[in-house]
Amino acid sequence: MPLVDSAYRAPWWLRNGHLATIIPSAFRKIPVTYVRERISTPDNDFLDLDWRTARGNEQVVIVLHGLEGHSYRHYVAGMVNYFADQGWDAVAFNSRSCSGTMNRQPRLYSHADAPDLAVAVAHVVQKGYKQIALVGFSMGGAIILNYLSKLTEQVPAAVMAAAALSAPVDVGASARALARRQNSFYRRRFLKKMIARVKRKAAQFPGLLDTTDIDKITTFDEYDRRFTAPLQGYHTPAEFYKDASSLHHLSNILVPTLLLIAHNDPFMPPACYPYEQAQASESLFLETPQHGGHVGFTATRLADSWAEERVFAFVNAHS
């Protein structure tokens, strides 16, 4: 306990993990209107928060995107709109360099950015919200798990529930899963976007990065060795993966937290399903439906996400 028997049943045509991942990402369109707020970080950088609010709310959800995502991705916009339709305020958290504006410091974003989330949560608390929920997808979920398990003294009492969807608790194992031949489609797409971002960072800081043959990079290990680790202050990718992973710290989580990972998620190897940790915890609720892909969980209609209803029900039960 707490292991959750999932009620999710995927549409018959989305029971393949790859289709469940790709089709919503390619075809689900969710309009959303935000008001942007830029806040400062202690290292003279900034974070862009995109708000959807109503007057007088004391409840707010902070939604975090995945790798190479942003606040307008369909899964973020869908979760923001769902909570707003239930009477909550919502704010979409953009990781550094992901809001459309390159951040000021040499470092980019990563799964280990729990301190940035701490800055955003503290800012939201200062606005007077009495109840805060955290919802993160993939990398965003990993950031939330790191925040709740490693920065426990910085988690305010107002944070009353959290949900991490398709979130890798072992980032290195997930990176190795993406290195598999059957995942080459995702790997190429991610690396293309990540390489383009590094090129912009190199132009911003001439001489900082060696971008020789950067377009020939074909693995996350090489990318992380050349760019992620040094930009984030690590000596090796292994050191970064260890710091970015929450697997061995999950027992520290005190806030009721739903970890939702499909069994057919192509990004998730066995190491990313922490059954033993959840069984030993009173706060980590692990739900592993058979289907759903990676950040999929499509409802009967492609326009609808079962995950939005599920996450709101979990948060509402603990508010």
C-alpha atoms as a PDB file:
ATOM      1  CA  MET A   1       0.000   0.000   0.000  1.00  0.00           C
ATOM      2  CA  PRO A   2      -0.597   2.404  -1.583  1.00  0.00           C
ATOM      3  CA  LEU A   3      -0.745   0.517  -4.896  1.00  0.00           C
ATOM      4  CA  VAL A   4      -3.760   1.656  -6.892  1.00  0.00           C
ATOM      5  CA  ASP A   5      -5.889  -0.653  -9.041  1.00  0.00           C
ATOM      6  CA  SER A   6      -6.351   1.547 -12.098  1.00  0.00           C
ATOM      7  CA  ALA A   7      -9.748   2.097 -13.688  1.00  0.00           C
ATOM      8  CA  TYR A   8      -8.258   3.302 -16.976  1.00  0.00           C
ATOM      9  CA  ARG A   9      -9.344   1.419 -20.071  1.00  0.00           C
ATOM     10  CA  ALA A  10      -7.797   2.664 -23.298  1.00  0.00           C
ATOM     11  CA  PRO A  11      -9.781   2.898 -26.536  1.00  0.00           C
ATOM     12  CA  TRP A  12      -9.247  -0.300 -28.536  1.00  0.00           C
ATOM     13  CA  TRP A  13      -7.342   1.585 -31.231  1.00  0.00           C
ATOM     14  CA  LEU A  14      -4.857   3.085 -28.733  1.00  0.00           C
ATOM     15  CA  ARG A  15      -3.644  -0.004 -26.892  1.00  0.00           C
ATOM     16  CA  ASN A  16      -0.269   0.018 -28.588  1.00  0.00           C
ATOM     17  CA  GLY A  17       2.161   2.031 -26.482  1.00  0.00           C
ATOM     18  CA  HIS A  18       3.666   3.882 -29.424  1.00  0.00           C
ATOM     19  CA  LEU A  19       0.288   4.864 -30.899  1.00  0.00           C
ATOM     20  CA  ALA A  20      -0.953   5.911 -27.453  1.00  0.00           C
ATOM     21  CA  THR A  21       2.075   8.183 -27.175  1.00  0.00           C
ATOM     22  CA  ILE A  22       2.258   9.635 -30.676  1.00  0.00           C
ATOM     23  CA  ILE A  23      -1.356  10.203 -31.713  1.00  0.00           C
ATOM     24  CA  PRO A  24      -2.412  12.557 -28.870  1.00  0.00           C
ATOM     25  CA  SER A  25       0.874  14.466 -29.232  1.00  0.00           C
ATOM     26  CA  ALA A  26       0.348  14.917 -32.960  1.00  0.00           C
ATOM     27  CA  PHE A  27      -3.390  15.530 -33.190  1.00  0.00           C
ATOM     28  CA  ARG A  28      -4.792  16.732 -29.851  1.00  0.00           C
ATOM     29  CA  LYS A  29      -5.161  20.526 -29.895  1.00  0.00           C
ATOM     30  CA  ILE A  30      -6.176  22.397 -26.731  1.00  0.00           C
ATOM     31  CA  PRO A  31      -6.609  26.192 -26.873  1.00  0.00           C
ATOM     32  CA  VAL A  32      -5.691  28.100 -23.731  1.00  0.00           C
ATOM     33  CA  THR A  33      -5.303  31.766 -22.794  1.00  0.00           C
ATOM     34  CA  TYR A  34      -2.641  32.788 -20.289  1.00  0.00           C
ATOM     35  CA  VAL A  35      -1.355  35.877 -18.536  1.00  0.00           C
ATOM     36  CA  ARG A  36       2.432  35.642 -18.263  1.00  0.00           C
ATOM     37  CA  GLU A  37       4.420  36.545 -15.168  1.00  0.00           C
ATOM     38  CA  ARG A  38       8.220  36.574 -15.024  1.00  0.00           C
ATOM     39  CA  ILE A  39       9.850  35.889 -11.666  1.00  0.00           C
ATOM     40  CA  SER A  40      13.510  36.055 -10.656  1.00  0.00           C
ATOM     41  CA  THR A  41      15.691  33.194  -9.438  1.00  0.00           C
ATOM     42  CA  PRO A  42      18.477  33.528  -6.835  1.00  0.00           C
ATOM     43  CA  ASP A  43      21.167  33.139  -9.524  1.00  0.00           C
ATOM     44  CA  ASN A  44      20.041  36.181 -11.529  1.00  0.00           C
ATOM     45  CA  ASP A  45      17.949  34.212 -13.995  1.00  0.00           C
ATOM     46  CA  PHE A  46      14.195  34.071 -14.504  1.00  0.00           C
ATOM     47  CA  LEU A  47      11.241  31.710 -14.789  1.00  0.00           C
ATOM     48  CA  ASP A  48       8.140  32.420 -16.863  1.00  0.00           C
ATOM     49  CA  LEU A  49       4.830  31.422 -15.254  1.00  0.00           C
ATOM     50  CA  ASP A  50       1.664  31.371 -17.364  1.00  0.00           C
ATOM     51  CA  TRP A  51      -1.524  31.946 -15.370  1.00  0.00           C
ATOM     52  CA  ARG A  52      -5.214  31.199 -15.841  1.00  0.00           C
ATOM     53  CA  THR A  53      -7.056  32.706 -12.894  1.00  0.00           C
ATOM     54  CA  ALA A  54     -10.435  33.765 -11.547  1.00  0.00           C
ATOM     55  CA  ARG A  55     -11.142  36.276  -8.801  1.00  0.00           C
ATOM     56  CA  GLY A  56     -10.899  35.170  -5.198  1.00  0.00           C
ATOM     57  CA  ASN A  57      -9.632  31.595  -5.558  1.00  0.00           C
ATOM     58  CA  GLU A  58      -7.571  30.153  -2.724  1.00  0.00           C
ATOM     59  CA  GLN A  59      -6.727  26.908  -4.569  1.00  0.00           C
ATOM     60  CA  VAL A  60      -4.163  26.713  -7.368  1.00  0.00           C
ATOM     61  CA  VAL A  61      -2.517  23.982  -9.392  1.00  0.00           C
ATOM     62  CA  ILE A  62       1.038  24.332 -10.744  1.00  0.00           C
ATOM     63  CA  VAL A  63       1.507  22.306 -13.936  1.00  0.00           C
ATOM     64  CA  LEU A  64       4.961  21.319 -15.245  1.00  0.00           C
ATOM     65  CA  HIS A  65       5.728  20.255 -18.824  1.00  0.00           C
ATOM     66  CA  GLY A  66       7.989  17.488 -20.094  1.00  0.00           C
ATOM     67  CA  LEU A  67      11.286  17.374 -21.979  1.00  0.00           C
ATOM     68  CA  GLU A  68      11.397  20.065 -24.691  1.00  0.00           C
ATOM     69  CA  GLY A  69       7.874  21.087 -23.749  1.00  0.00           C
ATOM     70  CA  HIS A  70       6.253  24.365 -22.696  1.00  0.00           C
ATOM     71  CA  SER A  71       3.028  25.729 -21.265  1.00  0.00           C
ATOM     72  CA  TYR A  72       1.102  25.460 -24.542  1.00  0.00           C
ATOM     73  CA  ARG A  73       1.649  21.730 -25.055  1.00  0.00           C
ATOM     74  CA  HIS A  74      -1.686  19.936 -25.259  1.00  0.00           C
ATOM     75  CA  TYR A  75      -1.231  17.965 -22.047  1.00  0.00           C
ATOM     76  CA  VAL A  76      -0.359  21.110 -20.029  1.00  0.00           C
ATOM     77  CA  ALA A  77      -3.164  23.195 -21.540  1.00  0.00           C
ATOM     78  CA  GLY A  78      -5.635  20.365 -21.011  1.00  0.00           C
ATOM     79  CA  MET A  79      -4.755  20.002 -17.322  1.00  0.00           C
ATOM     80  CA  VAL A  80      -4.814  23.770 -16.785  1.00  0.00           C
ATOM     81  CA  ASN A  81      -8.242  24.059 -18.412  1.00  0.00           C
ATOM     82  CA  TYR A  82      -9.653  21.078 -16.517  1.00  0.00           C
ATOM     83  CA  PHE A  83      -8.695  22.468 -13.123  1.00  0.00           C
ATOM     84  CA  ALA A  84      -9.892  25.948 -14.117  1.00  0.00           C
ATOM     85  CA  ASP A  85     -13.248  24.509 -15.166  1.00  0.00           C
ATOM     86  CA  GLN A  86     -13.548  23.008 -11.665  1.00  0.00           C
ATOM     87  CA  GLY A  87     -13.030  26.423 -10.063  1.00  0.00           C
ATOM     88  CA  TRP A  88      -9.268  26.337  -9.422  1.00  0.00           C
ATOM     89  CA  ASP A  89      -6.648  28.828 -10.498  1.00  0.00           C
ATOM     90  CA  ALA A  90      -3.860  27.312 -12.565  1.00  0.00           C
ATOM     91  CA  VAL A  91      -0.306  28.267 -13.449  1.00  0.00           C
ATOM     92  CA  ALA A  92       1.866  26.577 -16.064  1.00  0.00           C
ATOM     93  CA  PHE A  93       5.541  26.454 -15.110  1.00  0.00           C
ATOM     94  CA  ASN A  94       8.019  26.951 -17.967  1.00  0.00           C
ATOM     95  CA  SER A  95      11.463  25.500 -17.326  1.00  0.00           C
ATOM     96  CA  ARG A  96      14.469  27.690 -18.146  1.00  0.00           C
ATOM     97  CA  SER A  97      14.684  28.497 -21.869  1.00  0.00           C
ATOM     98  CA  CYS A  98      11.343  26.773 -22.602  1.00  0.00           C
ATOM     99  CA  SER A  99       9.021  29.796 -22.598  1.00  0.00           C
ATOM    100  CA  GLY A 100      10.142  31.134 -25.971  1.00  0.00           C
ATOM    101  CA  THR A 101      12.915  33.287 -24.477  1.00  0.00           C
ATOM    102  CA  MET A 102      16.420  31.958 -23.802  1.00  0.00           C
ATOM    103  CA  ASN A 103      17.347  32.180 -20.122  1.00  0.00           C
ATOM    104  CA  ARG A 104      20.163  34.452 -18.947  1.00  0.00           C
ATOM    105  CA  GLN A 105      22.534  31.940 -17.352  1.00  0.00           C
ATOM    106  CA  PRO A 106      24.714  29.397 -19.186  1.00  0.00           C
ATOM    107  CA  ARG A 107      22.781  26.442 -17.761  1.00  0.00           C
ATOM    108  CA  LEU A 108      19.612  25.202 -19.414  1.00  0.00           C
ATOM    109  CA  TYR A 109      16.866  23.089 -17.817  1.00  0.00           C
ATOM    110  CA  SER A 110      16.957  19.509 -16.553  1.00  0.00           C
ATOM    111  CA  HIS A 111      15.137  16.843 -14.540  1.00  0.00           C
ATOM    112  CA  ALA A 112      17.132  18.029 -11.506  1.00  0.00           C
ATOM    113  CA  ASP A 113      15.514  21.478 -11.377  1.00  0.00           C
ATOM    114  CA  ALA A 114      13.743  20.982  -8.038  1.00  0.00           C
ATOM    115  CA  PRO A 115      15.225  24.268  -6.721  1.00  0.00           C
ATOM    116  CA  ASP A 116      13.502  26.168  -9.532  1.00  0.00           C
ATOM    117  CA  LEU A 117      10.178  24.599  -8.598  1.00  0.00           C
ATOM    118  CA  ALA A 118      10.839  25.613  -4.983  1.00  0.00           C
ATOM    119  CA  VAL A 119      11.223  29.226  -6.148  1.00  0.00           C
ATOM    120  CA  ALA A 120       7.931  29.054  -8.041  1.00  0.00           C
ATOM    121  CA  VAL A 121       6.048  27.444  -5.144  1.00  0.00           C
ATOM    122  CA  ALA A 122       7.348  30.061  -2.693  1.00  0.00           C
ATOM    123  CA  HIS A 123       6.197  32.792  -5.085  1.00  0.00           C
ATOM    124  CA  VAL A 124       2.720  31.253  -5.334  1.00  0.00           C
ATOM    125  CA  VAL A 125       2.487  31.015  -1.543  1.00  0.00           C
ATOM    126  CA  GLN A 126       3.310  34.717  -1.291  1.00  0.00           C
ATOM    127  CA  LYS A 127       0.268  35.424  -3.448  1.00  0.00           C
ATOM    128  CA  GLY A 128      -1.918  34.104  -0.649  1.00  0.00           C
ATOM    129  CA  TYR A 129      -3.054  30.706  -1.929  1.00  0.00           C
ATOM    130  CA  LYS A 130      -4.103  28.369   0.864  1.00  0.00           C
ATOM    131  CA  GLN A 131      -4.008  25.093  -1.094  1.00  0.00           C
ATOM    132  CA  ILE A 132      -1.507  24.205  -3.819  1.00  0.00           C
ATOM    133  CA  ALA A 133      -1.450  21.096  -6.009  1.00  0.00           C
ATOM    134  CA  LEU A 134       1.494  20.094  -8.190  1.00  0.00           C
ATOM    135  CA  VAL A 135       1.051  18.209 -11.466  1.00  0.00           C
ATOM    136  CA  GLY A 136       3.948  17.266 -13.724  1.00  0.00           C
ATOM    137  CA  PHE A 137       4.353  15.316 -16.936  1.00  0.00           C
ATOM    138  CA  SER A 138       7.430  13.200 -17.684  1.00  0.00           C
ATOM    139  CA  MET A 139      10.401  15.480 -16.861  1.00  0.00           C
ATOM    140  CA  GLY A 140       8.030  17.809 -15.002  1.00  0.00           C
ATOM    141  CA  GLY A 141       6.874  14.899 -12.890  1.00  0.00           C
ATOM    142  CA  ALA A 142      10.488  13.989 -12.154  1.00  0.00           C
ATOM    143  CA  ILE A 143      11.113  17.549 -10.974  1.00  0.00           C
ATOM    144  CA  ILE A 144       8.119  17.330  -8.637  1.00  0.00           C
ATOM    145  CA  LEU A 145       9.271  14.005  -7.187  1.00  0.00           C
ATOM    146  CA  ASN A 146      12.751  15.415  -6.602  1.00  0.00           C
ATOM    147  CA  TYR A 147      11.267  18.500  -4.952  1.00  0.00           C
ATOM    148  CA  LEU A 148       9.008  16.521  -2.617  1.00  0.00           C
ATOM    149  CA  SER A 149      11.602  13.878  -1.738  1.00  0.00           C
ATOM    150  CA  LYS A 150      14.833  15.899  -1.527  1.00  0.00           C
ATOM    151  CA  LEU A 151      13.760  19.406  -0.514  1.00  0.00           C
ATOM    152  CA  THR A 152      11.275  18.388   2.145  1.00  0.00           C
ATOM    153  CA  GLU A 153      12.112  21.317   4.422  1.00  0.00           C
ATOM    154  CA  GLN A 154      11.263  23.757   1.610  1.00  0.00           C
ATOM    155  CA  VAL A 155       7.820  22.264   0.910  1.00  0.00           C
ATOM    156  CA  PRO A 156       5.238  24.583   2.531  1.00  0.00           C
ATOM    157  CA  ALA A 157       2.156  23.294   4.303  1.00  0.00           C
ATOM    158  CA  ALA A 158       0.016  24.759   1.511  1.00  0.00           C
ATOM    159  CA  VAL A 159       1.215  22.006  -0.862  1.00  0.00           C
ATOM    160  CA  MET A 160      -1.463  19.418  -0.179  1.00  0.00           C
ATOM    161  CA  ALA A 161      -1.263  16.958  -3.101  1.00  0.00           C
ATOM    162  CA  ALA A 162       0.776  16.148  -6.184  1.00  0.00           C
ATOM    163  CA  ALA A 163       0.659  13.998  -9.296  1.00  0.00           C
ATOM    164  CA  ALA A 164       3.503  12.853 -11.540  1.00  0.00           C
ATOM    165  CA  LEU A 165       2.466  11.344 -14.869  1.00  0.00           C
ATOM    166  CA  SER A 166       4.850   9.181 -16.926  1.00  0.00           C
ATOM    167  CA  ALA A 167       7.665  10.456 -14.717  1.00  0.00           C
ATOM    168  CA  PRO A 168      11.022   8.644 -14.661  1.00  0.00           C
ATOM    169  CA  VAL A 169      12.179   7.972 -11.111  1.00  0.00           C
ATOM    170  CA  ASP A 170      15.427   6.585 -12.588  1.00  0.00           C
ATOM    171  CA  VAL A 171      16.467   9.093 -15.253  1.00  0.00           C
ATOM    172  CA  GLY A 172      19.507   7.105 -16.366  1.00  0.00           C
ATOM    173  CA  ALA A 173      17.444   3.955 -16.901  1.00  0.00           C
ATOM    174  CA  SER A 174      14.892   5.937 -18.908  1.00  0.00           C
ATOM    175  CA  ALA A 175      17.668   7.425 -21.058  1.00  0.00           C
ATOM    176  CA  ARG A 176      18.950   3.920 -21.746  1.00  0.00           C
ATOM    177  CA  ALA A 177      15.431   2.823 -22.689  1.00  0.00           C
ATOM    178  CA  LEU A 178      15.253   5.648 -25.206  1.00  0.00           C
ATOM    179  CA  ALA A 179      18.517   4.360 -26.691  1.00  0.00           C
ATOM    180  CA  ARG A 180      16.753   1.189 -27.821  1.00  0.00           C
ATOM    181  CA  ARG A 181      16.255   0.723 -31.530  1.00  0.00           C
ATOM    182  CA  GLN A 182      12.452   0.705 -31.236  1.00  0.00           C
ATOM    183  CA  ASN A 183      12.587   4.179 -29.663  1.00  0.00           C
ATOM    184  CA  SER A 184      14.714   5.815 -32.355  1.00  0.00           C
ATOM    185  CA  PHE A 185      11.762   7.961 -33.507  1.00  0.00           C
ATOM    186  CA  TYR A 186      11.463   9.682 -30.123  1.00  0.00           C
ATOM    187  CA  ARG A 187      15.227   9.921 -29.645  1.00  0.00           C
ATOM    188  CA  ARG A 188      15.755  11.674 -32.973  1.00  0.00           C
ATOM    189  CA  ARG A 189      12.945  14.138 -32.315  1.00  0.00           C
ATOM    190  CA  PHE A 190      14.161  15.020 -28.837  1.00  0.00           C
ATOM    191  CA  LEU A 191      17.790  15.361 -29.902  1.00  0.00           C
ATOM    192  CA  LYS A 192      16.915  17.585 -32.845  1.00  0.00           C
ATOM    193  CA  LYS A 193      15.166  20.053 -30.535  1.00  0.00           C
ATOM    194  CA  MET A 194      17.793  19.806 -27.795  1.00  0.00           C
ATOM    195  CA  ILE A 195      20.647  20.375 -30.233  1.00  0.00           C
ATOM    196  CA  ALA A 196      18.898  23.444 -31.637  1.00  0.00           C
ATOM    197  CA  ARG A 197      18.579  24.814 -28.102  1.00  0.00           C
ATOM    198  CA  VAL A 198      22.273  24.217 -27.376  1.00  0.00           C
ATOM    199  CA  LYS A 199      23.171  26.073 -30.574  1.00  0.00           C
ATOM    200  CA  ARG A 200      21.204  29.091 -29.332  1.00  0.00           C
ATOM    201  CA  LYS A 201      22.964  28.867 -25.981  1.00  0.00           C
ATOM    202  CA  ALA A 202      26.354  28.664 -27.722  1.00  0.00           C
ATOM    203  CA  ALA A 203      25.511  31.797 -29.717  1.00  0.00           C
ATOM    204  CA  GLN A 204      24.499  33.519 -26.487  1.00  0.00           C
ATOM    205  CA  PHE A 205      27.827  32.643 -24.818  1.00  0.00           C
ATOM    206  CA  PRO A 206      30.558  32.541 -27.499  1.00  0.00           C
ATOM    207  CA  GLY A 207      33.387  30.215 -26.532  1.00  0.00           C
ATOM    208  CA  LEU A 208      31.428  28.475 -23.765  1.00  0.00           C
ATOM    209  CA  LEU A 209      30.543  25.310 -25.685  1.00  0.00           C
ATOM    210  CA  ASP A 210      32.304  23.180 -28.254  1.00  0.00           C
ATOM    211  CA  THR A 211      29.630  22.490 -30.850  1.00  0.00           C
ATOM    212  CA  THR A 212      31.920  20.679 -33.281  1.00  0.00           C
ATOM    213  CA  ASP A 213      29.957  17.924 -35.065  1.00  0.00           C
ATOM    214  CA  ILE A 214      26.969  18.614 -32.814  1.00  0.00           C
ATOM    215  CA  ASP A 215      24.554  17.551 -35.553  1.00  0.00           C
ATOM    216  CA  LYS A 216      26.168  14.104 -35.589  1.00  0.00           C
ATOM    217  CA  ILE A 217      25.086  13.329 -32.014  1.00  0.00           C
ATOM    218  CA  THR A 218      22.767  10.318 -32.022  1.00  0.00           C
ATOM    219  CA  THR A 219      22.536   9.297 -28.348  1.00  0.00           C
ATOM    220  CA  PHE A 220      21.442  10.926 -25.113  1.00  0.00           C
ATOM    221  CA  ASP A 221      24.615   9.672 -23.466  1.00  0.00           C
ATOM    222  CA  GLU A 222      26.799  11.666 -25.858  1.00  0.00           C
ATOM    223  CA  TYR A 223      24.564  14.740 -25.608  1.00  0.00           C
ATOM    224  CA  ASP A 224      24.528  14.573 -21.814  1.00  0.00           C
ATOM    225  CA  ARG A 225      28.302  14.030 -21.665  1.00  0.00           C
ATOM    226  CA  ARG A 226      29.031  17.025 -23.900  1.00  0.00           C
ATOM    227  CA  PHE A 227      26.336  19.445 -22.765  1.00  0.00           C
ATOM    228  CA  THR A 228      23.885  18.493 -20.007  1.00  0.00           C
ATOM    229  CA  ALA A 229      26.455  17.440 -17.409  1.00  0.00           C
ATOM    230  CA  PRO A 230      28.881  20.373 -17.817  1.00  0.00           C
ATOM    231  CA  LEU A 231      26.141  23.003 -18.162  1.00  0.00           C
ATOM    232  CA  GLN A 232      24.425  21.690 -15.027  1.00  0.00           C
ATOM    233  CA  GLY A 233      27.670  21.508 -13.060  1.00  0.00           C
ATOM    234  CA  TYR A 234      28.255  17.733 -13.152  1.00  0.00           C
ATOM    235  CA  HIS A 235      31.421  15.871 -14.116  1.00  0.00           C
ATOM    236  CA  THR A 236      29.742  12.952 -15.879  1.00  0.00           C
ATOM    237  CA  PRO A 237      26.314  11.915 -17.186  1.00  0.00           C
ATOM    238  CA  ALA A 238      26.185   9.253 -14.453  1.00  0.00           C
ATOM    239  CA  GLU A 239      26.576  11.927 -11.791  1.00  0.00           C
ATOM    240  CA  PHE A 240      23.789  13.951 -13.374  1.00  0.00           C
ATOM    241  CA  TYR A 241      21.476  10.932 -13.717  1.00  0.00           C
ATOM    242  CA  LYS A 242      21.953  10.092 -10.043  1.00  0.00           C
ATOM    243  CA  ASP A 243      21.108  13.626  -8.907  1.00  0.00           C
ATOM    244  CA  ALA A 244      18.143  13.856 -11.306  1.00  0.00           C
ATOM    245  CA  SER A 245      16.576  10.616 -10.059  1.00  0.00           C
ATOM    246  CA  SER A 246      14.216  10.307  -7.090  1.00  0.00           C
ATOM    247  CA  LEU A 247      14.122   6.502  -6.876  1.00  0.00           C
ATOM    248  CA  HIS A 248      16.154   6.182  -3.681  1.00  0.00           C
ATOM    249  CA  HIS A 249      14.484   9.158  -1.988  1.00  0.00           C
ATOM    250  CA  LEU A 250      10.802   8.397  -2.519  1.00  0.00           C
ATOM    251  CA  SER A 251      10.376   7.291   1.104  1.00  0.00           C
ATOM    252  CA  ASN A 252      10.906  10.935   2.125  1.00  0.00           C
ATOM    253  CA  ILE A 253       7.710  12.105   0.413  1.00  0.00           C
ATOM    254  CA  LEU A 254       5.139  13.302   2.936  1.00  0.00           C
ATOM    255  CA  VAL A 255       2.626  14.950   0.582  1.00  0.00           C
ATOM    256  CA  PRO A 256      -0.004  12.602  -0.939  1.00  0.00           C
ATOM    257  CA  THR A 257       1.438  11.969  -4.406  1.00  0.00           C
ATOM    258  CA  LEU A 258       0.043  10.007  -7.342  1.00  0.00           C
ATOM    259  CA  LEU A 259       2.623   8.420  -9.660  1.00  0.00           C
ATOM    260  CA  LEU A 260       0.797   7.329 -12.818  1.00  0.00           C
ATOM    261  CA  ILE A 261       2.804   5.230 -15.301  1.00  0.00           C
ATOM    262  CA  ALA A 262       1.386   2.962 -18.011  1.00  0.00           C
ATOM    263  CA  HIS A 263       2.822  -0.532 -18.376  1.00  0.00           C
ATOM    264  CA  ASN A 264       3.216   0.041 -22.109  1.00  0.00           C
ATOM    265  CA  ASP A 265       5.094   3.337 -21.755  1.00  0.00           C
ATOM    266  CA  PRO A 266       7.943   3.010 -24.304  1.00  0.00           C
ATOM    267  CA  PHE A 267      10.180   5.335 -22.247  1.00  0.00           C
ATOM    268  CA  MET A 268       9.971   3.361 -18.995  1.00  0.00           C
ATOM    269  CA  PRO A 269      12.102   0.309 -18.124  1.00  0.00           C
ATOM    270  CA  PRO A 270      11.316  -1.843 -15.022  1.00  0.00           C
ATOM    271  CA  ALA A 271      13.493   0.386 -12.801  1.00  0.00           C
ATOM    272  CA  CYS A 272      10.970   3.200 -13.244  1.00  0.00           C
ATOM    273  CA  TYR A 273       8.111   1.315 -11.548  1.00  0.00           C
ATOM    274  CA  PRO A 274       8.831   1.715  -7.797  1.00  0.00           C
ATOM    275  CA  TYR A 275       6.452  -0.923  -6.430  1.00  0.00           C
ATOM    276  CA  GLU A 276       8.454  -1.654  -3.281  1.00  0.00           C
ATOM    277  CA  GLN A 277       8.770   2.022  -2.403  1.00  0.00           C
ATOM    278  CA  ALA A 278       5.048   2.622  -2.875  1.00  0.00           C
ATOM    279  CA  GLN A 279       4.105  -0.425  -0.795  1.00  0.00           C
ATOM    280  CA  ALA A 280       6.260   0.883   2.050  1.00  0.00           C
ATOM    281  CA  SER A 281       4.938   4.438   1.810  1.00  0.00           C
ATOM    282  CA  GLU A 282       1.864   6.119   3.221  1.00  0.00           C
ATOM    283  CA  SER A 283       2.075   9.008   0.749  1.00  0.00           C
ATOM    284  CA  LEU A 284       3.211   7.623  -2.631  1.00  0.00           C
ATOM    285  CA  PHE A 285       0.294   6.181  -4.616  1.00  0.00           C
ATOM    286  CA  LEU A 286       1.547   4.145  -7.596  1.00  0.00           C
ATOM    287  CA  GLU A 287      -0.961   3.505 -10.376  1.00  0.00           C
ATOM    288  CA  THR A 288       0.137   1.423 -13.366  1.00  0.00           C
ATOM    289  CA  PRO A 289      -2.632   0.826 -15.931  1.00  0.00           C
ATOM    290  CA  GLN A 290      -1.904  -1.629 -18.713  1.00  0.00           C
ATOM    291  CA  HIS A 291      -2.242   0.992 -21.423  1.00  0.00           C
ATOM    292  CA  GLY A 292      -1.723   4.726 -21.869  1.00  0.00           C
ATOM    293  CA  GLY A 293       1.686   5.067 -23.499  1.00  0.00           C
ATOM    294  CA  HIS A 294       3.853   8.011 -22.483  1.00  0.00           C
ATOM    295  CA  VAL A 295       1.728  11.029 -21.453  1.00  0.00           C
ATOM    296  CA  GLY A 296      -1.164   9.527 -23.409  1.00  0.00           C
ATOM    297  CA  PHE A 297      -4.131   8.212 -21.398  1.00  0.00           C
ATOM    298  CA  THR A 298      -6.648   9.207 -24.066  1.00  0.00           C
ATOM    299  CA  ALA A 299     -10.303   8.947 -23.067  1.00  0.00           C
ATOM    300  CA  THR A 300     -13.045   7.760 -25.414  1.00  0.00           C
ATOM    301  CA  ARG A 301     -12.560  10.814 -27.629  1.00  0.00           C
ATOM    302  CA  LEU A 302      -9.136  11.966 -28.772  1.00  0.00           C
ATOM    303  CA  ALA A 303      -9.952  15.469 -27.544  1.00  0.00           C
ATOM    304  CA  ASP A 304     -10.354  14.207 -23.976  1.00  0.00           C
ATOM    305  CA  SER A 305      -7.756  12.958 -21.493  1.00  0.00           C
ATOM    306  CA  TRP A 306      -8.672  10.453 -18.788  1.00  0.00           C
ATOM    307  CA  ALA A 307      -5.606  11.615 -16.853  1.00  0.00           C
ATOM    308  CA  GLU A 308      -7.125  15.044 -16.241  1.00  0.00           C
ATOM    309  CA  GLU A 309     -10.187  13.578 -14.568  1.00  0.00           C
ATOM    310  CA  ARG A 310      -8.075  11.093 -12.609  1.00  0.00           C
ATOM    311  CA  VAL A 311      -5.579  13.673 -11.350  1.00  0.00           C
ATOM    312  CA  PHE A 312      -8.280  16.126 -10.313  1.00  0.00           C
ATOM    313  CA  ALA A 313     -10.132  13.391  -8.416  1.00  0.00           C
ATOM    314  CA  PHE A 314      -6.926  12.471  -6.572  1.00  0.00           C
ATOM    315  CA  VAL A 315      -6.115  16.073  -5.709  1.00  0.00           C
ATOM    316  CA  ASN A 316      -9.693  16.841  -4.683  1.00  0.00           C
ATOM    317  CA  ALA A 317      -9.731  13.810  -2.377  1.00  0.00           C
ATOM    318  CA  HIS A 318      -6.721  15.226  -0.497  1.00  0.00           C
ATOM    319  CA  SER A 319      -7.703  18.902  -0.460  1.00  0.00           C
END
